[in-house]
Amino acid sequence: MGKKLPEFSPGDTVIVNVGVVEGERKRVQAYEGVVIAKKNRGINSSFTVRKVSSGEGVERTFQTYSPLIDSIELKRKGAVRRAKLYYMRARSGKGARIREKIEGHEQGSEQ
């Protein structure tokens, strides 16, 4: 489609730079969190990002091809076995951590 977006999946930590209009000023606001859901529907594709802000869980759904999204940066790959991570809503603290996926390393093989 239009913009070049990185390949990301649920469990990944991303930084979404969103264009915000305040009065007459336009600025870019960074929203960093874990992708808990991704919906692939062509131009109607969307993804949900969850972050904890001052002890409160905040989720925001973005339209993937929205003109409001300035850019998406992939910060960290997460190793999860689910397509939808809604169980993260019930977890807090250390229970809400996600293992990092190390590229080029096969699961279960010892070296």
C-alpha atoms as a PDB file:
ATOM      1  CA  MET A   1       0.000   0.000   0.000  1.00  0.00           C
ATOM      2  CA  GLY A   2       1.284   3.558   0.596  1.00  0.00           C
ATOM      3  CA  LYS A   3       3.723   3.732   3.516  1.00  0.00           C
ATOM      4  CA  LYS A   4       6.497   1.267   4.240  1.00  0.00           C
ATOM      5  CA  LEU A   5       5.603  -0.363   7.565  1.00  0.00           C
ATOM      6  CA  PRO A   6       7.717  -2.879   9.491  1.00  0.00           C
ATOM      7  CA  GLU A   7       6.598  -6.487   9.869  1.00  0.00           C
ATOM      8  CA  PHE A   8       5.290  -6.865  13.409  1.00  0.00           C
ATOM      9  CA  SER A   9       3.081  -9.370  15.196  1.00  0.00           C
ATOM     10  CA  PRO A  10       1.339  -9.775  18.578  1.00  0.00           C
ATOM     11  CA  GLY A  11       3.840  -9.748  21.439  1.00  0.00           C
ATOM     12  CA  ASP A  12       6.122  -7.214  19.761  1.00  0.00           C
ATOM     13  CA  THR A  13       6.873  -3.881  21.417  1.00  0.00           C
ATOM     14  CA  VAL A  14       6.322  -1.018  18.990  1.00  0.00           C
ATOM     15  CA  ILE A  15       6.538   2.779  19.015  1.00  0.00           C
ATOM     16  CA  VAL A  16       3.701   4.344  17.016  1.00  0.00           C
ATOM     17  CA  ASN A  17       4.280   7.992  16.080  1.00  0.00           C
ATOM     18  CA  VAL A  18       0.842   9.590  15.751  1.00  0.00           C
ATOM     19  CA  GLY A  19       0.104  13.028  14.318  1.00  0.00           C
ATOM     20  CA  VAL A  20      -1.907  15.078  16.841  1.00  0.00           C
ATOM     21  CA  VAL A  21      -3.613  18.396  16.072  1.00  0.00           C
ATOM     22  CA  GLU A  22      -3.956  20.761  19.046  1.00  0.00           C
ATOM     23  CA  GLY A  23      -5.698  23.933  17.935  1.00  0.00           C
ATOM     24  CA  GLU A  24      -3.595  25.149  15.038  1.00  0.00           C
ATOM     25  CA  ARG A  25      -0.434  23.282  16.051  1.00  0.00           C
ATOM     26  CA  LYS A  26       0.453  19.872  14.645  1.00  0.00           C
ATOM     27  CA  ARG A  27       2.849  17.627  16.511  1.00  0.00           C
ATOM     28  CA  VAL A  28       3.898  13.980  16.582  1.00  0.00           C
ATOM     29  CA  GLN A  29       3.145  11.974  19.713  1.00  0.00           C
ATOM     30  CA  ALA A  30       4.915   8.663  20.406  1.00  0.00           C
ATOM     31  CA  TYR A  31       2.811   5.795  21.798  1.00  0.00           C
ATOM     32  CA  GLU A  32       4.909   2.839  22.961  1.00  0.00           C
ATOM     33  CA  GLY A  33       3.481  -0.500  24.036  1.00  0.00           C
ATOM     34  CA  VAL A  34       2.942  -4.187  23.316  1.00  0.00           C
ATOM     35  CA  VAL A  35       0.851  -5.275  20.327  1.00  0.00           C
ATOM     36  CA  ILE A  36      -1.911  -7.468  21.800  1.00  0.00           C
ATOM     37  CA  ALA A  37      -4.014  -7.944  18.649  1.00  0.00           C
ATOM     38  CA  LYS A  38      -3.671  -7.535  14.913  1.00  0.00           C
ATOM     39  CA  LYS A  39      -6.482  -7.634  12.355  1.00  0.00           C
ATOM     40  CA  ASN A  40      -5.502  -8.106   8.704  1.00  0.00           C
ATOM     41  CA  ARG A  41      -8.329  -6.880   6.460  1.00  0.00           C
ATOM     42  CA  GLY A  42      -6.579  -5.138   3.580  1.00  0.00           C
ATOM     43  CA  ILE A  43      -7.125  -1.387   3.811  1.00  0.00           C
ATOM     44  CA  ASN A  44      -9.251  -1.917   6.961  1.00  0.00           C
ATOM     45  CA  SER A  45      -6.365  -3.542   8.859  1.00  0.00           C
ATOM     46  CA  SER A  46      -5.849  -2.494  12.463  1.00  0.00           C
ATOM     47  CA  PHE A  47      -3.790  -3.355  15.520  1.00  0.00           C
ATOM     48  CA  THR A  48      -4.172  -2.786  19.257  1.00  0.00           C
ATOM     49  CA  VAL A  49      -1.298  -1.554  21.439  1.00  0.00           C
ATOM     50  CA  ARG A  50      -1.346  -1.861  25.234  1.00  0.00           C
ATOM     51  CA  LYS A  51       0.836   0.099  27.637  1.00  0.00           C
ATOM     52  CA  VAL A  52       0.808   0.782  31.375  1.00  0.00           C
ATOM     53  CA  SER A  53       0.672   4.503  32.099  1.00  0.00           C
ATOM     54  CA  SER A  54       1.093   5.524  35.772  1.00  0.00           C
ATOM     55  CA  GLY A  55      -0.122   2.133  36.992  1.00  0.00           C
ATOM     56  CA  GLU A  56      -3.201   2.079  34.745  1.00  0.00           C
ATOM     57  CA  GLY A  57      -3.415  -0.139  31.654  1.00  0.00           C
ATOM     58  CA  VAL A  58      -4.211   1.812  28.477  1.00  0.00           C
ATOM     59  CA  GLU A  59      -5.098   0.241  25.126  1.00  0.00           C
ATOM     60  CA  ARG A  60      -5.355   2.045  21.833  1.00  0.00           C
ATOM     61  CA  THR A  61      -6.439   0.635  18.482  1.00  0.00           C
ATOM     62  CA  PHE A  62      -4.808   2.074  15.371  1.00  0.00           C
ATOM     63  CA  GLN A  63      -5.858   1.727  11.740  1.00  0.00           C
ATOM     64  CA  THR A  64      -2.724   0.379  10.044  1.00  0.00           C
ATOM     65  CA  TYR A  65      -2.967   2.572   6.940  1.00  0.00           C
ATOM     66  CA  SER A  66      -4.331   5.698   8.663  1.00  0.00           C
ATOM     67  CA  PRO A  67      -2.832   9.001   7.468  1.00  0.00           C
ATOM     68  CA  LEU A  68      -2.599  10.016  11.153  1.00  0.00           C
ATOM     69  CA  ILE A  69       0.120   7.403  11.730  1.00  0.00           C
ATOM     70  CA  ASP A  70       3.451   9.040  10.951  1.00  0.00           C
ATOM     71  CA  SER A  71       5.600   5.939  11.452  1.00  0.00           C
ATOM     72  CA  ILE A  72       5.839   2.647  13.325  1.00  0.00           C
ATOM     73  CA  GLU A  73       9.130   1.507  14.872  1.00  0.00           C
ATOM     74  CA  LEU A  74       9.712  -2.069  15.978  1.00  0.00           C
ATOM     75  CA  LYS A  75      11.539  -1.929  19.303  1.00  0.00           C
ATOM     76  CA  ARG A  76      11.510  -5.564  20.452  1.00  0.00           C
ATOM     77  CA  LYS A  77      10.255  -8.925  19.141  1.00  0.00           C
ATOM     78  CA  GLY A  78       8.215 -10.990  21.575  1.00  0.00           C
ATOM     79  CA  ALA A  79       7.939 -14.788  21.703  1.00  0.00           C
ATOM     80  CA  VAL A  80       4.256 -15.665  22.176  1.00  0.00           C
ATOM     81  CA  ARG A  81       2.063 -18.563  21.054  1.00  0.00           C
ATOM     82  CA  ARG A  82      -1.234 -16.723  20.682  1.00  0.00           C
ATOM     83  CA  ALA A  83      -2.671 -14.442  17.998  1.00  0.00           C
ATOM     84  CA  LYS A  84      -4.656 -12.372  20.518  1.00  0.00           C
ATOM     85  CA  LEU A  85      -3.046 -11.520  23.860  1.00  0.00           C
ATOM     86  CA  TYR A  86      -6.192 -10.434  25.699  1.00  0.00           C
ATOM     87  CA  TYR A  87      -5.041 -12.387  28.764  1.00  0.00           C
ATOM     88  CA  MET A  88      -2.489  -9.589  29.320  1.00  0.00           C
ATOM     89  CA  ARG A  89      -5.351  -7.405  30.604  1.00  0.00           C
ATOM     90  CA  ALA A  90      -5.623  -9.564  33.721  1.00  0.00           C
ATOM     91  CA  ARG A  91      -1.877  -9.585  34.390  1.00  0.00           C
ATOM     92  CA  SER A  92       0.277  -6.955  36.029  1.00  0.00           C
ATOM     93  CA  GLY A  93       3.881  -6.536  37.143  1.00  0.00           C
ATOM     94  CA  LYS A  94       6.220  -9.418  36.391  1.00  0.00           C
ATOM     95  CA  GLY A  95       3.334 -11.605  35.207  1.00  0.00           C
ATOM     96  CA  ALA A  96       2.813  -9.269  32.256  1.00  0.00           C
ATOM     97  CA  ARG A  97       6.327  -9.759  30.860  1.00  0.00           C
ATOM     98  CA  ILE A  98       6.874 -11.339  27.445  1.00  0.00           C
ATOM     99  CA  ARG A  99       9.991 -13.320  26.511  1.00  0.00           C
ATOM    100  CA  GLU A 100      12.113 -11.793  23.788  1.00  0.00           C
ATOM    101  CA  LYS A 101      12.409 -13.681  20.513  1.00  0.00           C
ATOM    102  CA  ILE A 102      16.041 -14.075  19.504  1.00  0.00           C
ATOM    103  CA  GLU A 103      16.456 -14.285  15.715  1.00  0.00           C
ATOM    104  CA  GLY A 104      18.402 -17.245  14.345  1.00  0.00           C
ATOM    105  CA  HIS A 105      17.955 -19.271  17.541  1.00  0.00           C
ATOM    106  CA  GLU A 106      15.842 -22.411  17.292  1.00  0.00           C
ATOM    107  CA  GLN A 107      13.551 -23.229  20.208  1.00  0.00           C
ATOM    108  CA  GLY A 108      14.487 -26.346  22.168  1.00  0.00           C
ATOM    109  CA  SER A 109      17.952 -26.929  20.681  1.00  0.00           C
ATOM    110  CA  GLU A 110      20.962 -26.808  23.001  1.00  0.00           C
ATOM    111  CA  GLN A 111      24.372 -25.710  21.747  1.00  0.00           C
END
